[in-house]
Amino acid sequence: MAKAKDVAVELRRIADSLEQEPDAEVERPSLAWFLREKESMQTLARILPHPLKKDVEDPARSFSSVKITAESCMAINVYASIERSRICKLVRPAQPAEYECEPLLSEDEEEALLALVYKHPQRRHSGSVQRDAEEG
């Protein structure tokens, strides 16, 4: 693991290189940390430029990450990300969705439509039930 001072030296070298052509247009770069340890995230949350924005990416998925972004950095995207399960405690596991739906048709309507379909078996497709009901 690198020391913060060593990273700063390398970033200064990059800054010095960029300043050789200060008016050159460059794409907005990213400086990203993909972390594994809670302590590393805490350290970066302390030392990155503030304010920091915290987001949970893909919160509905079983695998999601927590991301902090240094919002004051306009010319460069600075962020750190960590798997949510490494810094958060699972309180309640996700539950599968469960739906209860009212029937679209009454039993009488369903029986009438089935009778039409069996009365005209060649018209089972392409909305023929609706035409049969209109013709009927």
N, C-alpha and C. Protein backbone atom coordinates (compact mmCIF):
# COMPACT_ATOMS: atom_id res chain seq x y z
N MET A 1 0.85 -1.16 0.00
CA MET A 1 0.00 0.00 0.00
C MET A 1 0.90 1.23 0.00
N ALA A 2 0.54 2.22 -0.81
CA ALA A 2 1.34 3.44 -0.93
C ALA A 2 1.03 4.41 0.20
N LYS A 3 1.99 5.26 0.51
CA LYS A 3 1.80 6.33 1.48
C LYS A 3 1.19 7.53 0.75
N ALA A 4 0.38 8.29 1.47
CA ALA A 4 -0.26 9.47 0.89
C ALA A 4 0.77 10.44 0.31
N LYS A 5 1.91 10.61 1.00
CA LYS A 5 2.93 11.54 0.51
C LYS A 5 3.52 11.07 -0.82
N ASP A 6 3.63 9.75 -1.02
CA ASP A 6 4.16 9.22 -2.29
C ASP A 6 3.17 9.44 -3.43
N VAL A 7 1.90 9.27 -3.13
CA VAL A 7 0.87 9.53 -4.14
C VAL A 7 0.88 11.01 -4.50
N ALA A 8 1.01 11.87 -3.51
CA ALA A 8 1.05 13.32 -3.75
C ALA A 8 2.22 13.69 -4.66
N VAL A 9 3.39 13.06 -4.46
CA VAL A 9 4.56 13.33 -5.31
C VAL A 9 4.23 12.98 -6.76
N GLU A 10 3.61 11.83 -6.96
CA GLU A 10 3.27 11.41 -8.33
C GLU A 10 2.22 12.35 -8.96
N LEU A 11 1.25 12.76 -8.16
CA LEU A 11 0.24 13.69 -8.68
C LEU A 11 0.86 15.04 -9.03
N ARG A 12 1.84 15.48 -8.26
CA ARG A 12 2.54 16.74 -8.59
C ARG A 12 3.30 16.61 -9.90
N ARG A 13 3.89 15.44 -10.14
CA ARG A 13 4.59 15.21 -11.41
C ARG A 13 3.61 15.31 -12.57
N ILE A 14 2.43 14.73 -12.39
CA ILE A 14 1.39 14.83 -13.44
C ILE A 14 0.98 16.28 -13.61
N ALA A 15 0.77 17.00 -12.51
CA ALA A 15 0.38 18.40 -12.56
C ALA A 15 1.44 19.23 -13.29
N ASP A 16 2.71 18.99 -12.98
CA ASP A 16 3.79 19.71 -13.65
C ASP A 16 3.77 19.45 -15.15
N SER A 17 3.53 18.23 -15.54
CA SER A 17 3.46 17.89 -16.97
C SER A 17 2.30 18.61 -17.64
N LEU A 18 1.15 18.62 -17.00
CA LEU A 18 -0.02 19.29 -17.58
C LEU A 18 0.20 20.80 -17.71
N GLU A 19 0.92 21.38 -16.77
CA GLU A 19 1.15 22.82 -16.80
C GLU A 19 2.13 23.25 -17.89
N GLN A 20 2.81 22.30 -18.53
CA GLN A 20 3.68 22.63 -19.66
C GLN A 20 2.87 23.14 -20.84
N GLU A 21 1.61 22.71 -20.94
CA GLU A 21 0.70 23.20 -21.97
C GLU A 21 -0.63 23.54 -21.30
N PRO A 22 -0.70 24.64 -20.58
CA PRO A 22 -1.86 24.94 -19.75
C PRO A 22 -3.16 25.16 -20.53
N ASP A 23 -3.08 25.51 -21.80
CA ASP A 23 -4.29 25.77 -22.58
C ASP A 23 -4.72 24.58 -23.43
N ALA A 24 -3.99 23.48 -23.34
CA ALA A 24 -4.38 22.28 -24.10
C ALA A 24 -5.69 21.75 -23.54
N GLU A 25 -6.59 21.36 -24.44
CA GLU A 25 -7.86 20.79 -24.00
C GLU A 25 -7.69 19.29 -23.82
N VAL A 26 -8.08 18.80 -22.64
CA VAL A 26 -7.98 17.38 -22.33
C VAL A 26 -9.31 16.90 -21.79
N GLU A 27 -9.59 15.64 -22.00
CA GLU A 27 -10.80 15.03 -21.42
C GLU A 27 -10.69 15.07 -19.91
N ARG A 28 -11.84 15.14 -19.23
CA ARG A 28 -11.85 15.14 -17.77
C ARG A 28 -11.40 13.77 -17.27
N PRO A 29 -10.25 13.71 -16.60
CA PRO A 29 -9.76 12.41 -16.12
C PRO A 29 -10.41 12.02 -14.79
N SER A 30 -10.19 10.78 -14.42
CA SER A 30 -10.67 10.26 -13.14
C SER A 30 -9.50 9.78 -12.31
N LEU A 31 -9.62 10.05 -11.03
CA LEU A 31 -8.69 9.50 -10.06
C LEU A 31 -9.55 8.66 -9.13
N ALA A 32 -9.38 7.36 -9.21
CA ALA A 32 -10.31 6.46 -8.52
C ALA A 32 -9.56 5.47 -7.64
N TRP A 33 -10.18 5.19 -6.51
CA TRP A 33 -9.71 4.14 -5.61
C TRP A 33 -10.81 3.10 -5.51
N PHE A 34 -10.46 1.83 -5.72
CA PHE A 34 -11.39 0.72 -5.55
C PHE A 34 -10.85 -0.06 -4.35
N LEU A 35 -11.53 0.10 -3.23
CA LEU A 35 -10.98 -0.32 -1.95
C LEU A 35 -11.54 -1.66 -1.47
N ARG A 36 -10.78 -2.29 -0.57
CA ARG A 36 -11.20 -3.55 0.04
C ARG A 36 -11.37 -3.44 1.54
N GLU A 37 -10.78 -2.43 2.14
CA GLU A 37 -10.78 -2.33 3.60
C GLU A 37 -11.53 -1.08 4.06
N LYS A 38 -12.34 -1.25 5.09
CA LYS A 38 -13.12 -0.15 5.66
C LYS A 38 -12.19 0.98 6.10
N GLU A 39 -11.06 0.64 6.71
CA GLU A 39 -10.12 1.66 7.20
C GLU A 39 -9.59 2.52 6.06
N SER A 40 -9.38 1.91 4.89
CA SER A 40 -8.91 2.69 3.73
C SER A 40 -9.97 3.69 3.29
N MET A 41 -11.22 3.30 3.33
CA MET A 41 -12.30 4.21 2.97
C MET A 41 -12.39 5.34 3.99
N GLN A 42 -12.24 5.02 5.26
CA GLN A 42 -12.28 6.05 6.30
C GLN A 42 -11.14 7.05 6.13
N THR A 43 -9.96 6.55 5.79
CA THR A 43 -8.82 7.43 5.58
C THR A 43 -9.07 8.39 4.43
N LEU A 44 -9.54 7.86 3.30
CA LEU A 44 -9.80 8.72 2.15
C LEU A 44 -10.93 9.70 2.43
N ALA A 45 -11.93 9.28 3.18
CA ALA A 45 -13.02 10.20 3.54
C ALA A 45 -12.48 11.36 4.36
N ARG A 46 -11.43 11.13 5.12
CA ARG A 46 -10.82 12.19 5.92
C ARG A 46 -9.94 13.12 5.09
N ILE A 47 -9.17 12.57 4.14
CA ILE A 47 -8.13 13.37 3.49
C ILE A 47 -8.50 13.90 2.10
N LEU A 48 -9.54 13.37 1.46
CA LEU A 48 -9.93 13.92 0.15
C LEU A 48 -10.54 15.31 0.34
N PRO A 49 -10.48 16.15 -0.71
CA PRO A 49 -11.08 17.48 -0.60
C PRO A 49 -12.58 17.37 -0.32
N HIS A 50 -13.03 18.22 0.60
CA HIS A 50 -14.45 18.24 0.97
C HIS A 50 -15.14 19.40 0.27
N PRO A 51 -16.44 19.35 0.03
CA PRO A 51 -17.39 18.35 0.52
C PRO A 51 -17.32 17.06 -0.29
N LEU A 52 -17.71 15.99 0.37
CA LEU A 52 -17.79 14.67 -0.27
C LEU A 52 -19.26 14.31 -0.45
N LYS A 53 -19.55 13.70 -1.57
CA LYS A 53 -20.90 13.18 -1.82
C LYS A 53 -20.83 11.66 -1.69
N LYS A 54 -21.76 11.10 -0.93
CA LYS A 54 -21.80 9.65 -0.73
C LYS A 54 -22.99 9.08 -1.49
N ASP A 55 -22.75 8.06 -2.29
CA ASP A 55 -23.80 7.38 -3.05
C ASP A 55 -23.69 5.88 -2.85
N VAL A 56 -24.84 5.22 -2.91
CA VAL A 56 -24.86 3.76 -2.95
C VAL A 56 -25.24 3.39 -4.37
N GLU A 57 -24.33 2.72 -5.05
CA GLU A 57 -24.56 2.33 -6.43
C GLU A 57 -25.31 1.01 -6.48
N ASP A 58 -26.35 0.95 -7.29
CA ASP A 58 -27.17 -0.25 -7.45
C ASP A 58 -27.65 -0.82 -6.13
N PRO A 59 -28.37 -0.01 -5.32
CA PRO A 59 -28.77 -0.49 -3.99
C PRO A 59 -29.71 -1.69 -4.02
N ALA A 60 -30.40 -1.93 -5.14
CA ALA A 60 -31.33 -3.06 -5.20
C ALA A 60 -30.61 -4.39 -5.45
N ARG A 61 -29.40 -4.33 -5.95
CA ARG A 61 -28.66 -5.57 -6.24
C ARG A 61 -28.00 -6.12 -4.98
N SER A 62 -27.75 -7.39 -4.98
CA SER A 62 -27.08 -8.00 -3.83
C SER A 62 -25.64 -7.50 -3.74
N PHE A 63 -25.01 -7.24 -4.87
CA PHE A 63 -23.67 -6.64 -4.85
C PHE A 63 -23.84 -5.18 -5.23
N SER A 64 -23.48 -4.31 -4.33
CA SER A 64 -23.49 -2.89 -4.64
C SER A 64 -22.32 -2.25 -3.92
N SER A 65 -22.02 -1.02 -4.29
CA SER A 65 -20.87 -0.36 -3.68
C SER A 65 -21.26 0.99 -3.12
N VAL A 66 -20.46 1.45 -2.18
CA VAL A 66 -20.59 2.79 -1.64
C VAL A 66 -19.48 3.61 -2.28
N LYS A 67 -19.85 4.77 -2.77
CA LYS A 67 -18.91 5.63 -3.48
C LYS A 67 -18.92 7.00 -2.84
N ILE A 68 -17.73 7.55 -2.59
CA ILE A 68 -17.62 8.93 -2.15
C ILE A 68 -16.90 9.72 -3.25
N THR A 69 -17.43 10.89 -3.55
CA THR A 69 -16.89 11.72 -4.62
C THR A 69 -16.54 13.09 -4.06
N ALA A 70 -15.36 13.58 -4.42
CA ALA A 70 -14.94 14.92 -4.02
C ALA A 70 -15.62 15.92 -4.96
N GLU A 71 -16.71 16.52 -4.49
CA GLU A 71 -17.52 17.40 -5.33
C GLU A 71 -16.82 18.70 -5.71
N SER A 72 -15.86 19.14 -4.93
CA SER A 72 -15.20 20.42 -5.22
C SER A 72 -14.19 20.30 -6.36
N CYS A 73 -13.85 19.09 -6.77
CA CYS A 73 -12.91 18.89 -7.88
C CYS A 73 -13.67 18.93 -9.19
N MET A 74 -13.57 20.05 -9.90
CA MET A 74 -14.35 20.24 -11.12
C MET A 74 -13.65 19.71 -12.38
N ALA A 75 -12.34 19.82 -12.44
CA ALA A 75 -11.62 19.44 -13.65
C ALA A 75 -11.23 17.97 -13.66
N ILE A 76 -11.37 17.32 -12.53
CA ILE A 76 -11.00 15.91 -12.42
C ILE A 76 -12.03 15.19 -11.55
N ASN A 77 -12.41 14.00 -11.94
CA ASN A 77 -13.37 13.20 -11.19
C ASN A 77 -12.59 12.40 -10.15
N VAL A 78 -12.76 12.75 -8.87
CA VAL A 78 -12.02 12.11 -7.79
C VAL A 78 -13.01 11.34 -6.93
N TYR A 79 -12.81 10.01 -6.83
CA TYR A 79 -13.74 9.22 -6.03
C TYR A 79 -13.08 7.96 -5.49
N ALA A 80 -13.74 7.41 -4.48
CA ALA A 80 -13.34 6.14 -3.89
C ALA A 80 -14.58 5.28 -3.77
N SER A 81 -14.41 3.98 -3.98
CA SER A 81 -15.54 3.06 -3.98
C SER A 81 -15.15 1.80 -3.22
N ILE A 82 -16.14 1.24 -2.52
CA ILE A 82 -15.91 0.00 -1.78
C ILE A 82 -17.20 -0.82 -1.79
N GLU A 83 -17.07 -2.12 -1.80
CA GLU A 83 -18.24 -2.99 -1.75
C GLU A 83 -19.02 -2.70 -0.46
N ARG A 84 -20.31 -2.49 -0.61
CA ARG A 84 -21.15 -2.08 0.52
C ARG A 84 -21.06 -3.05 1.70
N SER A 85 -20.98 -4.34 1.44
CA SER A 85 -20.94 -5.31 2.54
C SER A 85 -19.67 -5.20 3.38
N ARG A 86 -18.65 -4.50 2.89
CA ARG A 86 -17.41 -4.34 3.65
C ARG A 86 -17.50 -3.22 4.68
N ILE A 87 -18.48 -2.30 4.50
CA ILE A 87 -18.58 -1.20 5.46
C ILE A 87 -19.96 -1.06 6.09
N CYS A 88 -20.91 -1.83 5.60
CA CYS A 88 -22.27 -1.76 6.12
C CYS A 88 -22.70 -3.12 6.64
N LYS A 89 -23.58 -3.11 7.61
CA LYS A 89 -24.12 -4.35 8.17
C LYS A 89 -25.47 -4.62 7.52
N LEU A 90 -25.66 -5.83 7.03
CA LEU A 90 -26.93 -6.22 6.43
C LEU A 90 -27.96 -6.37 7.54
N VAL A 91 -29.00 -5.56 7.48
CA VAL A 91 -30.03 -5.57 8.52
C VAL A 91 -31.18 -6.48 8.14
N ARG A 92 -31.62 -6.39 6.90
CA ARG A 92 -32.73 -7.21 6.43
C ARG A 92 -32.45 -7.60 4.99
N PRO A 93 -32.33 -8.88 4.71
CA PRO A 93 -32.05 -9.30 3.33
C PRO A 93 -33.20 -8.90 2.40
N ALA A 94 -32.85 -8.72 1.15
CA ALA A 94 -33.85 -8.35 0.15
C ALA A 94 -34.90 -9.45 0.04
N GLN A 95 -36.12 -9.03 -0.12
CA GLN A 95 -37.23 -9.96 -0.28
C GLN A 95 -37.69 -9.95 -1.73
N PRO A 96 -38.03 -11.11 -2.29
CA PRO A 96 -38.56 -11.10 -3.65
C PRO A 96 -39.89 -10.37 -3.68
N ALA A 97 -40.14 -9.70 -4.79
CA ALA A 97 -41.40 -8.98 -4.95
C ALA A 97 -42.56 -9.97 -4.96
N GLU A 98 -43.64 -9.58 -4.36
CA GLU A 98 -44.85 -10.41 -4.32
C GLU A 98 -46.02 -9.52 -4.70
N TYR A 99 -46.80 -9.96 -5.69
CA TYR A 99 -47.92 -9.17 -6.19
C TYR A 99 -49.24 -9.92 -5.99
N GLU A 100 -50.28 -9.18 -5.81
CA GLU A 100 -51.62 -9.74 -5.79
C GLU A 100 -52.42 -8.92 -6.79
N CYS A 101 -52.98 -9.59 -7.78
CA CYS A 101 -53.69 -8.90 -8.86
C CYS A 101 -55.15 -9.35 -8.91
N GLU A 102 -55.99 -8.41 -9.21
CA GLU A 102 -57.40 -8.71 -9.44
C GLU A 102 -57.54 -9.38 -10.81
N PRO A 103 -58.49 -10.28 -10.99
CA PRO A 103 -58.70 -10.87 -12.32
C PRO A 103 -59.12 -9.78 -13.31
N LEU A 104 -58.67 -9.92 -14.54
CA LEU A 104 -59.03 -8.94 -15.57
C LEU A 104 -60.47 -9.13 -16.03
N LEU A 105 -60.91 -10.38 -16.05
CA LEU A 105 -62.26 -10.69 -16.51
C LEU A 105 -63.00 -11.47 -15.43
N SER A 106 -64.34 -11.34 -15.43
CA SER A 106 -65.14 -12.15 -14.51
C SER A 106 -65.16 -13.58 -15.05
N GLU A 107 -65.60 -14.53 -14.23
CA GLU A 107 -65.68 -15.92 -14.68
C GLU A 107 -66.61 -16.05 -15.88
N ASP A 108 -67.73 -15.33 -15.88
CA ASP A 108 -68.68 -15.37 -17.01
C ASP A 108 -68.02 -14.86 -18.29
N GLU A 109 -67.23 -13.77 -18.18
CA GLU A 109 -66.56 -13.23 -19.36
C GLU A 109 -65.52 -14.21 -19.89
N GLU A 110 -64.77 -14.83 -18.99
CA GLU A 110 -63.78 -15.81 -19.41
C GLU A 110 -64.44 -16.99 -20.12
N GLU A 111 -65.55 -17.49 -19.58
CA GLU A 111 -66.27 -18.61 -20.19
C GLU A 111 -66.79 -18.22 -21.57
N ALA A 112 -67.31 -17.00 -21.71
CA ALA A 112 -67.83 -16.54 -23.00
C ALA A 112 -66.71 -16.47 -24.03
N LEU A 113 -65.54 -15.97 -23.63
CA LEU A 113 -64.42 -15.88 -24.56
C LEU A 113 -63.92 -17.27 -24.94
N LEU A 114 -63.85 -18.18 -23.98
CA LEU A 114 -63.43 -19.55 -24.29
C LEU A 114 -64.40 -20.22 -25.25
N ALA A 115 -65.68 -19.98 -25.07
CA ALA A 115 -66.69 -20.55 -25.96
C ALA A 115 -66.49 -20.04 -27.38
N LEU A 116 -66.17 -18.76 -27.53
CA LEU A 116 -65.92 -18.17 -28.85
C LEU A 116 -64.69 -18.79 -29.50
N VAL A 117 -63.63 -18.97 -28.71
CA VAL A 117 -62.39 -19.52 -29.25
C VAL A 117 -62.63 -20.94 -29.74
N TYR A 118 -63.35 -21.75 -28.96
CA TYR A 118 -63.58 -23.13 -29.37
C TYR A 118 -64.63 -23.23 -30.48
N LYS A 119 -65.51 -22.24 -30.58
CA LYS A 119 -66.50 -22.21 -31.65
C LYS A 119 -65.83 -21.90 -32.98
N HIS A 120 -64.81 -21.02 -32.96
CA HIS A 120 -64.07 -20.64 -34.17
C HIS A 120 -62.58 -20.88 -33.95
N PRO A 121 -62.11 -22.15 -33.94
CA PRO A 121 -60.72 -22.45 -33.61
C PRO A 121 -59.72 -21.82 -34.58
N GLN A 122 -60.11 -21.55 -35.86
CA GLN A 122 -59.18 -20.95 -36.81
C GLN A 122 -58.91 -19.49 -36.48
N ARG A 123 -59.65 -18.87 -35.57
CA ARG A 123 -59.49 -17.46 -35.24
C ARG A 123 -58.88 -17.26 -33.84
N ARG A 124 -58.03 -18.14 -33.42
CA ARG A 124 -57.45 -18.06 -32.08
C ARG A 124 -56.37 -17.00 -31.96
N HIS A 125 -55.80 -16.54 -33.05
CA HIS A 125 -54.65 -15.63 -33.00
C HIS A 125 -55.02 -14.25 -33.53
N SER A 126 -54.13 -13.31 -33.31
CA SER A 126 -54.19 -11.95 -33.86
C SER A 126 -55.45 -11.20 -33.49
N GLY A 127 -55.88 -11.28 -32.28
CA GLY A 127 -57.03 -10.49 -31.83
C GLY A 127 -58.35 -11.00 -32.36
N SER A 128 -58.42 -12.25 -32.83
CA SER A 128 -59.66 -12.75 -33.41
C SER A 128 -60.77 -12.87 -32.37
N VAL A 129 -60.42 -13.04 -31.11
CA VAL A 129 -61.45 -13.14 -30.07
C VAL A 129 -62.23 -11.83 -30.02
N GLN A 130 -61.52 -10.71 -30.11
CA GLN A 130 -62.18 -9.41 -30.09
C GLN A 130 -63.10 -9.26 -31.30
N ARG A 131 -62.64 -9.65 -32.50
CA ARG A 131 -63.48 -9.53 -33.70
C ARG A 131 -64.69 -10.43 -33.60
N ASP A 132 -64.49 -11.66 -33.08
CA ASP A 132 -65.61 -12.58 -32.93
C ASP A 132 -66.65 -11.98 -31.99
N ALA A 133 -66.20 -11.36 -30.91
CA ALA A 133 -67.14 -10.79 -29.97
C ALA A 133 -67.93 -9.65 -30.62
N GLU A 134 -67.24 -8.87 -31.50
CA GLU A 134 -67.92 -7.76 -32.18
C GLU A 134 -68.89 -8.28 -33.22
N GLU A 135 -68.50 -9.35 -33.93
CA GLU A 135 -69.36 -9.91 -34.98
C GLU A 135 -70.57 -10.62 -34.38
N GLY A 136 -70.36 -11.28 -33.25
CA GLY A 136 -71.24 -12.19 -32.62
C GLY A 136 -72.57 -11.73 -32.27
